[in-house]
Amino acid sequence: MPLGLDLPAWPDLNRTPEAAAVPGWRAWLEWAWGIPGFAEAVTVASPTLAAQIGRITAGNLDDAREVR
């Protein structure tokens, strides 16, 4: 973790109903994905995870179970 990086609070993964939490989860992922070098590192480590994050941040995945 880079020094001085101010991370937002981790999203509440136990929020009910889950469908209402998806926009907050997506916003958190968009923020994290924008950290310089983070997307590239995840893509190298796990292309499948990176593709899933791409679908979520593009708004193409709204199912709470899959987003979580």
C-alpha atoms as a PDB file:
ATOM      1  CA  MET A   1       0.000   0.000   0.000  1.00  0.00           C
ATOM      2  CA  PRO A   2       1.515   3.345  -0.989  1.00  0.00           C
ATOM      3  CA  LEU A   3       2.267   5.697   1.882  1.00  0.00           C
ATOM      4  CA  GLY A   4      -0.197   8.550   2.191  1.00  0.00           C
ATOM      5  CA  LEU A   5      -2.972   6.720   0.347  1.00  0.00           C
ATOM      6  CA  ASP A   6      -6.273   7.702   1.914  1.00  0.00           C
ATOM      7  CA  LEU A   7      -8.656   4.789   1.434  1.00  0.00           C
ATOM      8  CA  PRO A   8     -12.418   5.173   1.801  1.00  0.00           C
ATOM      9  CA  ALA A   9     -14.168   2.931   4.298  1.00  0.00           C
ATOM     10  CA  TRP A  10     -14.573  -0.648   3.142  1.00  0.00           C
ATOM     11  CA  PRO A  11     -18.130  -1.136   1.803  1.00  0.00           C
ATOM     12  CA  ASP A  12     -20.655  -2.900   4.042  1.00  0.00           C
ATOM     13  CA  LEU A  13     -21.001  -6.360   2.513  1.00  0.00           C
ATOM     14  CA  ASN A  14     -23.735  -7.326   4.988  1.00  0.00           C
ATOM     15  CA  ARG A  15     -26.179  -4.558   4.104  1.00  0.00           C
ATOM     16  CA  THR A  16     -29.785  -5.632   3.652  1.00  0.00           C
ATOM     17  CA  PRO A  17     -31.241  -5.560   1.113  1.00  0.00           C
ATOM     18  CA  GLU A  18     -28.110  -6.329  -0.834  1.00  0.00           C
ATOM     19  CA  ALA A  19     -29.491  -4.856  -4.061  1.00  0.00           C
ATOM     20  CA  ALA A  20     -29.533  -1.434  -2.371  1.00  0.00           C
ATOM     21  CA  ALA A  21     -25.839  -1.802  -1.531  1.00  0.00           C
ATOM     22  CA  VAL A  22     -24.642  -2.487  -5.092  1.00  0.00           C
ATOM     23  CA  PRO A  23     -24.228   1.201  -6.073  1.00  0.00           C
ATOM     24  CA  GLY A  24     -22.019   1.778  -3.016  1.00  0.00           C
ATOM     25  CA  TRP A  25     -19.963  -1.318  -3.758  1.00  0.00           C
ATOM     26  CA  ARG A  26     -19.583  -0.188  -7.374  1.00  0.00           C
ATOM     27  CA  ALA A  27     -18.499   3.315  -6.299  1.00  0.00           C
ATOM     28  CA  TRP A  28     -15.872   1.825  -3.978  1.00  0.00           C
ATOM     29  CA  LEU A  29     -14.543  -0.416  -6.756  1.00  0.00           C
ATOM     30  CA  GLU A  30     -14.424   2.516  -9.183  1.00  0.00           C
ATOM     31  CA  TRP A  31     -12.413   4.501  -6.649  1.00  0.00           C
ATOM     32  CA  ALA A  32     -10.010   1.622  -5.970  1.00  0.00           C
ATOM     33  CA  TRP A  33      -9.692   0.830  -9.694  1.00  0.00           C
ATOM     34  CA  GLY A  34      -8.559   4.423 -10.246  1.00  0.00           C
ATOM     35  CA  ILE A  35      -5.536   4.082  -7.934  1.00  0.00           C
ATOM     36  CA  PRO A  36      -2.476   4.355 -10.204  1.00  0.00           C
ATOM     37  CA  GLY A  37      -1.141   0.888 -10.940  1.00  0.00           C
ATOM     38  CA  PHE A  38      -3.895  -0.997  -9.103  1.00  0.00           C
ATOM     39  CA  ALA A  39      -5.897  -2.079 -12.160  1.00  0.00           C
ATOM     40  CA  GLU A  40      -2.736  -3.165 -13.929  1.00  0.00           C
ATOM     41  CA  ALA A  41      -1.571  -5.199 -10.935  1.00  0.00           C
ATOM     42  CA  VAL A  42      -4.930  -6.948 -10.558  1.00  0.00           C
ATOM     43  CA  THR A  43      -5.076  -7.626 -14.301  1.00  0.00           C
ATOM     44  CA  VAL A  44      -1.670  -9.327 -14.220  1.00  0.00           C
ATOM     45  CA  ALA A  45      -2.479 -11.280 -11.050  1.00  0.00           C
ATOM     46  CA  SER A  46      -6.001 -12.324 -12.046  1.00  0.00           C
ATOM     47  CA  PRO A  47      -7.341 -11.495 -15.497  1.00  0.00           C
ATOM     48  CA  THR A  48     -10.677 -13.113 -14.609  1.00  0.00           C
ATOM     49  CA  LEU A  49     -11.113 -10.909 -11.536  1.00  0.00           C
ATOM     50  CA  ALA A  50     -10.097  -7.852 -13.542  1.00  0.00           C
ATOM     51  CA  ALA A  51     -12.702  -8.687 -16.202  1.00  0.00           C
ATOM     52  CA  GLN A  52     -15.393  -9.057 -13.521  1.00  0.00           C
ATOM     53  CA  ILE A  53     -14.419  -5.707 -11.977  1.00  0.00           C
ATOM     54  CA  GLY A  54     -14.581  -4.182 -15.442  1.00  0.00           C
ATOM     55  CA  ARG A  55     -18.147  -5.452 -15.895  1.00  0.00           C
ATOM     56  CA  ILE A  56     -19.139  -4.123 -12.482  1.00  0.00           C
ATOM     57  CA  THR A  57     -17.613  -0.676 -12.932  1.00  0.00           C
ATOM     58  CA  ALA A  58     -19.122  -0.384 -16.423  1.00  0.00           C
ATOM     59  CA  GLY A  59     -22.554  -0.972 -14.905  1.00  0.00           C
ATOM     60  CA  ASN A  60     -23.036  -4.240 -16.779  1.00  0.00           C
ATOM     61  CA  LEU A  61     -23.419  -6.334 -13.637  1.00  0.00           C
ATOM     62  CA  ASP A  62     -26.045  -5.479 -11.022  1.00  0.00           C
ATOM     63  CA  ASP A  63     -26.723  -8.815  -9.337  1.00  0.00           C
ATOM     64  CA  ALA A  64     -25.731  -8.315  -5.695  1.00  0.00           C
ATOM     65  CA  ARG A  65     -24.523 -11.893  -5.290  1.00  0.00           C
ATOM     66  CA  GLU A  66     -22.170 -11.598  -8.269  1.00  0.00           C
ATOM     67  CA  VAL A  67     -20.995  -8.074  -7.368  1.00  0.00           C
ATOM     68  CA  ARG A  68     -20.245  -9.061  -3.781  1.00  0.00           C
END
